[in-house]
Amino acid sequence: MDTQVYAKLEKEGRTPLYQSLEHLPKEYHDRMEVAYSDEKTIDFKFAEERGFNPRTHRYEVVPLKPLTFRSGGVYTDEKCSTNVNGLYALGECALAPGCGPSSCLGFMVGDDLSKTLGDVEQLSIDEGQVEEQKEIAFAPMKVKDGTQPLEIESSIRYICERYVGLEKSEGKLKEGLRRLGSLRRVFLPQMQATNPHEIMRAMEAKNIMDLAEVHIHACLNREETRCNYVRIDCPETDPARTNRPTFQRRVNGKMVVEIREIPDLKPEYAKEDE
């Protein structure tokens, strides 16, 4: 549903709205289940555990999210190599979403990786670090009657949509950061997992929380409005940021935000003078 239409109905007190698919034929539902079963099998499991029948029950209608754009990702060179030797980033995390670009970059990584592996020395494994990470990964297995990873992830996404949306302001960003901090302190330690799949989802929820926090700090640091980045309280463009990307990361638990110069194009990729 259109966002403006939904907002109007909400002001009139006519929400929530619901829709039903029960009038559709069995063949339609069968096709829908086949289409979802490839990647959404777990959704059927969650629905079954909660007594929800997608064939007969009603769905709550939510407004369409505003169109957003993404212009960030992991910093790599032209070979998709990160600053960790032997570690590459491609696909959506390297601003090349979709099967086509990812496949092409995969071939490039394969060619470069074979050369990199030949130069890498035998690495020493820090057993203490391994045990520490195992303890973090399996901590949700020790929690009983806790919070599901999907609940944590949904809460993080709600905070980002509500306070870090298309139009930002210092007040909204700080409130989003406060709520995210509360979620981290109170509910993250209560996140539970009972099987390997839920362990994976728990780790994913934790990573999403880290990225959301880094992103909000970067937005607070960027006090300007430019193209699709809108700060209501900072309507002007900051000339110091022109053609200078923002890099953000966490170092020893603290947020670091830097504005860097765009590196020069390597001579072999530069366009020859005509």
Protein backbone atom coordinates (compact mmCIF):
# COMPACT_ATOMS: atom_id res chain seq x y z
CA MET A 1 0.00 0.00 0.00
CA ASP A 2 1.14 3.51 -0.79
CA THR A 3 2.76 5.20 2.22
CA GLN A 4 0.68 8.39 1.94
CA VAL A 5 -2.60 6.47 1.63
CA TYR A 6 -1.72 4.38 4.66
CA ALA A 7 -0.76 7.49 6.66
CA LYS A 8 -4.14 9.07 5.82
CA LEU A 9 -6.05 5.98 6.92
CA GLU A 10 -3.99 5.78 10.09
CA LYS A 11 -4.84 9.38 11.01
CA GLU A 12 -8.51 8.53 10.47
CA GLY A 13 -8.19 5.63 12.89
CA ARG A 14 -8.88 3.01 10.20
CA THR A 15 -5.81 0.88 10.78
CA PRO A 16 -4.63 -1.81 11.10
CA LEU A 17 -5.77 -3.17 7.76
CA TYR A 18 -5.84 -6.84 6.84
CA GLN A 19 -5.96 -8.86 3.67
CA SER A 20 -6.75 -12.51 3.05
CA LEU A 21 -5.75 -15.03 0.38
CA GLU A 22 -8.37 -17.60 1.33
CA HIS A 23 -10.49 -16.85 -1.75
CA LEU A 24 -7.69 -17.92 -4.09
CA PRO A 25 -7.68 -21.46 -5.51
CA LYS A 26 -5.59 -24.29 -4.08
CA GLU A 27 -3.39 -24.29 -7.20
CA TYR A 28 -2.33 -20.73 -6.46
CA HIS A 29 -1.34 -21.54 -2.88
CA ASP A 30 0.57 -24.59 -4.08
CA ARG A 31 2.57 -22.48 -6.52
CA MET A 32 3.26 -19.87 -3.82
CA GLU A 33 4.58 -22.53 -1.45
CA VAL A 34 6.85 -23.94 -4.15
CA ALA A 35 8.16 -20.45 -4.91
CA TYR A 36 8.86 -19.74 -1.22
CA SER A 37 10.25 -23.16 -0.32
CA ASP A 38 13.61 -22.42 -1.97
CA GLU A 39 14.72 -19.83 0.60
CA LYS A 40 11.76 -19.30 2.92
CA THR A 41 11.19 -22.80 4.32
CA ILE A 42 11.96 -21.54 7.81
CA ASP A 43 9.09 -19.03 7.48
CA PHE A 44 6.64 -21.91 7.09
CA LYS A 45 8.13 -23.50 10.20
CA PHE A 46 7.72 -20.31 12.25
CA ALA A 47 4.14 -19.90 10.99
CA GLU A 48 3.29 -23.48 11.89
CA GLU A 49 4.72 -23.13 15.40
CA ARG A 50 2.63 -20.01 15.97
CA GLY A 51 -0.55 -21.54 14.62
CA PHE A 52 -0.64 -19.32 11.52
CA ASN A 53 -2.10 -20.82 8.35
CA PRO A 54 -1.13 -18.68 5.31
CA ARG A 55 -3.93 -20.26 3.30
CA THR A 56 -6.78 -19.17 5.56
CA HIS A 57 -5.59 -16.52 8.02
CA ARG A 58 -5.43 -12.81 7.38
CA TYR A 59 -2.26 -10.77 6.86
CA GLU A 60 -1.80 -7.31 8.28
CA VAL A 61 -1.25 -4.72 5.54
CA VAL A 62 1.79 -2.52 6.07
CA PRO A 63 2.71 0.61 4.11
CA LEU A 64 5.34 0.35 1.43
CA LYS A 65 8.75 1.46 2.60
CA PRO A 66 10.12 4.61 0.97
CA LEU A 67 12.59 4.06 -1.84
CA THR A 68 16.11 4.09 -0.49
CA PHE A 69 19.50 3.91 -2.13
CA ARG A 70 22.68 2.27 -0.99
CA SER A 71 26.11 3.63 -1.70
CA GLY A 72 28.29 1.85 0.83
CA GLY A 73 30.11 -1.40 1.20
CA VAL A 74 33.36 -3.08 2.12
CA TYR A 75 36.41 -1.21 0.83
CA THR A 76 38.22 -3.26 -1.81
CA ASP A 77 40.65 -2.75 -4.65
CA GLU A 78 39.94 -3.49 -8.31
CA LYS A 79 40.49 -7.20 -7.63
CA CYS A 80 37.89 -7.31 -4.84
CA SER A 81 40.67 -7.73 -2.27
CA THR A 82 40.18 -6.22 1.19
CA ASN A 83 42.92 -4.95 3.47
CA VAL A 84 43.22 -8.49 4.88
CA ASN A 85 45.48 -10.49 2.60
CA GLY A 86 43.53 -13.38 1.09
CA LEU A 87 40.12 -12.02 2.11
CA TYR A 88 37.85 -10.84 -0.71
CA ALA A 89 34.46 -9.13 -0.83
CA LEU A 90 32.02 -9.27 -3.72
CA GLY A 91 28.33 -9.22 -4.39
CA GLU A 92 26.09 -6.93 -2.36
CA CYS A 93 28.71 -6.19 0.30
CA ALA A 94 31.00 -4.83 -2.43
CA LEU A 95 28.32 -2.84 -4.31
CA ALA A 96 27.92 -5.43 -7.07
CA PRO A 97 24.54 -6.99 -6.27
CA GLY A 98 22.91 -9.60 -8.42
CA CYS A 99 23.98 -12.84 -10.04
CA GLY A 100 25.62 -11.26 -13.10
CA PRO A 101 28.10 -8.89 -11.41
CA SER A 102 28.81 -11.40 -8.64
CA SER A 103 29.62 -14.13 -11.16
CA CYS A 104 32.01 -11.89 -13.08
CA LEU A 105 33.75 -10.79 -9.90
CA GLY A 106 33.92 -14.40 -8.77
CA PHE A 107 36.01 -15.26 -11.83
CA MET A 108 38.30 -12.31 -11.08
CA VAL A 109 38.70 -13.40 -7.47
CA GLY A 110 39.47 -16.96 -8.58
CA ASP A 111 42.27 -15.80 -10.85
CA ASP A 112 43.79 -13.56 -8.20
CA LEU A 113 43.31 -16.02 -5.35
CA SER A 114 45.45 -18.67 -6.99
CA LYS A 115 48.33 -16.19 -7.10
CA THR A 116 47.72 -14.96 -3.55
CA LEU A 117 47.70 -18.44 -2.04
CA GLY A 118 51.09 -19.14 -3.56
CA ASP A 119 52.59 -16.20 -1.66
CA VAL A 120 50.86 -16.74 1.69
CA GLU A 121 52.97 -18.27 4.42
CA GLN A 122 51.68 -20.89 6.81
CA LEU A 123 49.53 -19.09 9.35
CA SER A 124 49.74 -19.69 13.05
CA ILE A 125 46.38 -20.25 14.72
CA ASP A 126 45.64 -18.41 17.92
CA GLU A 127 43.89 -21.15 19.88
CA GLY A 128 42.83 -18.67 22.54
CA GLN A 129 41.09 -16.52 19.96
CA VAL A 130 39.36 -19.58 18.50
CA GLU A 131 38.02 -20.60 21.90
CA GLU A 132 36.89 -17.04 22.62
CA GLN A 133 34.93 -16.87 19.37
CA LYS A 134 33.44 -20.32 19.98
CA GLU A 135 32.23 -19.12 23.36
CA ILE A 136 30.57 -16.10 21.74
CA ALA A 137 29.01 -18.16 18.94
CA PHE A 138 27.58 -20.87 21.21
CA ALA A 139 26.49 -18.58 24.07
CA PRO A 140 22.82 -18.53 22.85
CA MET A 141 22.73 -22.34 23.27
CA LYS A 142 23.01 -21.84 27.05
CA VAL A 143 19.99 -19.51 27.23
CA LYS A 144 16.65 -21.04 28.16
CA ASP A 145 13.29 -19.40 27.50
CA GLY A 146 15.03 -16.43 25.87
CA THR A 147 14.46 -14.23 22.84
CA GLN A 148 14.40 -15.66 19.33
CA PRO A 149 17.07 -14.30 16.92
CA LEU A 150 14.33 -13.28 14.49
CA GLU A 151 12.76 -11.08 17.17
CA ILE A 152 16.08 -9.31 17.75
CA GLU A 153 16.63 -8.84 14.02
CA SER A 154 13.09 -7.51 13.51
CA SER A 155 13.57 -5.01 16.34
CA ILE A 156 16.84 -3.77 14.84
CA ARG A 157 15.22 -3.33 11.44
CA TYR A 158 12.31 -1.44 12.99
CA ILE A 159 14.67 0.94 14.79
CA CYS A 160 16.56 1.61 11.55
CA GLU A 161 13.37 2.18 9.56
CA ARG A 162 11.87 4.43 12.23
CA TYR A 163 14.89 6.56 13.16
CA VAL A 164 17.39 6.18 10.30
CA GLY A 165 15.07 6.40 7.31
CA LEU A 166 15.17 8.50 4.19
CA GLU A 167 14.91 11.76 6.16
CA LYS A 168 17.28 11.95 9.13
CA SER A 169 17.87 14.38 11.98
CA GLU A 170 20.15 14.49 14.99
CA GLY A 171 17.29 13.88 17.39
CA LYS A 172 15.99 10.83 15.53
CA LEU A 173 19.45 9.38 15.07
CA LYS A 174 20.33 9.75 18.76
CA GLU A 175 17.02 8.18 19.78
CA GLY A 176 17.67 5.29 17.41
CA LEU A 177 21.12 4.86 18.92
CA ARG A 178 19.65 4.90 22.43
CA ARG A 179 17.06 2.26 21.57
CA LEU A 180 19.67 0.14 19.85
CA GLY A 181 21.86 0.37 22.95
CA SER A 182 18.97 -0.74 25.13
CA LEU A 183 18.34 -3.66 22.82
CA ARG A 184 22.02 -4.64 23.02
CA ARG A 185 22.19 -4.44 26.82
CA VAL A 186 18.88 -6.08 27.72
CA PHE A 187 17.85 -8.46 24.97
CA LEU A 188 21.02 -9.49 23.13
CA PRO A 189 22.32 -11.48 26.15
CA GLN A 190 18.92 -13.21 26.30
CA MET A 191 19.02 -14.39 22.68
CA GLN A 192 18.64 -18.16 22.52
CA ALA A 193 19.38 -20.86 19.96
CA THR A 194 18.50 -24.55 20.00
CA ASN A 195 20.07 -25.80 16.77
CA PRO A 196 22.81 -24.90 14.26
CA HIS A 197 20.39 -22.91 12.07
CA GLU A 198 19.37 -20.71 14.99
CA ILE A 199 23.03 -20.25 15.95
CA MET A 200 23.61 -18.89 12.44
CA ARG A 201 20.61 -16.56 12.77
CA ALA A 202 21.82 -15.40 16.19
CA MET A 203 25.25 -14.53 14.79
CA GLU A 204 23.58 -12.74 11.90
CA ALA A 205 21.40 -10.70 14.27
CA LYS A 206 24.48 -9.71 16.27
CA ASN A 207 26.31 -8.64 13.11
CA ILE A 208 23.31 -6.64 11.92
CA MET A 209 23.24 -4.83 15.26
CA ASP A 210 26.94 -3.96 14.96
CA LEU A 211 26.47 -2.64 11.42
CA ALA A 212 23.39 -0.64 12.40
CA GLU A 213 25.30 1.04 15.23
CA VAL A 214 28.23 1.89 12.98
CA HIS A 215 25.84 3.27 10.35
CA ILE A 216 24.00 5.52 12.83
CA HIS A 217 27.29 6.96 14.10
CA ALA A 218 28.31 7.69 10.50
CA CYS A 219 24.99 9.46 9.88
CA LEU A 220 25.44 11.59 13.00
CA ASN A 221 28.88 12.56 11.78
CA ARG A 222 27.64 13.53 8.32
CA GLU A 223 25.98 16.92 8.88
CA GLU A 224 24.83 17.74 5.36
CA THR A 225 22.20 17.02 2.70
CA ARG A 226 23.35 15.68 -0.65
CA CYS A 227 21.43 13.78 -3.36
CA ASN A 228 19.50 10.99 -1.64
CA TYR A 229 21.12 11.61 1.75
CA VAL A 230 18.81 14.00 3.62
CA ARG A 231 19.51 15.57 7.01
CA ILE A 232 16.51 17.75 7.80
CA ASP A 233 18.50 19.70 10.38
CA CYS A 234 21.45 20.18 7.99
CA PRO A 235 19.93 21.19 4.62
CA GLU A 236 23.15 22.53 3.10
CA THR A 237 25.86 20.57 1.29
CA ASP A 238 29.24 20.29 3.01
CA PRO A 239 31.90 21.19 0.38
CA ALA A 240 34.57 19.37 2.42
CA ARG A 241 32.83 16.09 1.62
CA THR A 242 32.63 16.55 -2.13
CA ASN A 243 34.19 13.52 -3.86
CA ARG A 244 35.40 12.28 -0.49
CA PRO A 245 33.80 9.03 0.76
CA THR A 246 33.12 8.31 4.42
CA PHE A 247 34.68 5.25 6.05
CA GLN A 248 33.37 3.95 9.35
CA ARG A 249 34.45 1.02 11.49
CA ARG A 250 34.69 -0.17 15.07
CA VAL A 251 38.13 -0.24 16.74
CA ASN A 252 38.43 -1.75 20.22
CA GLY A 253 34.74 -1.20 20.79
CA LYS A 254 34.82 2.47 19.73
CA MET A 255 33.38 3.98 16.56
CA VAL A 256 35.81 5.54 14.11
CA VAL A 257 34.53 7.70 11.25
CA GLU A 258 36.95 9.04 8.63
CA ILE A 259 36.62 11.14 5.49
CA ARG A 260 39.17 10.11 2.89
CA GLU A 261 40.28 11.19 -0.53
CA ILE A 262 39.32 9.03 -3.49
CA PRO A 263 42.47 7.22 -4.64
CA ASP A 264 43.80 8.11 -8.07
CA LEU A 265 43.03 5.77 -10.93
CA LYS A 266 45.93 3.48 -11.66
CA PRO A 267 47.78 4.40 -14.89
CA GLU A 268 46.91 1.10 -16.54
CA TYR A 269 43.19 1.85 -16.12
CA ALA A 270 43.35 5.54 -17.04
CA LYS A 271 41.89 6.58 -20.36
CA GLU A 272 44.54 7.38 -22.93
CA ASP A 273 44.62 10.87 -24.40
CA GLU A 274 43.04 11.00 -27.82
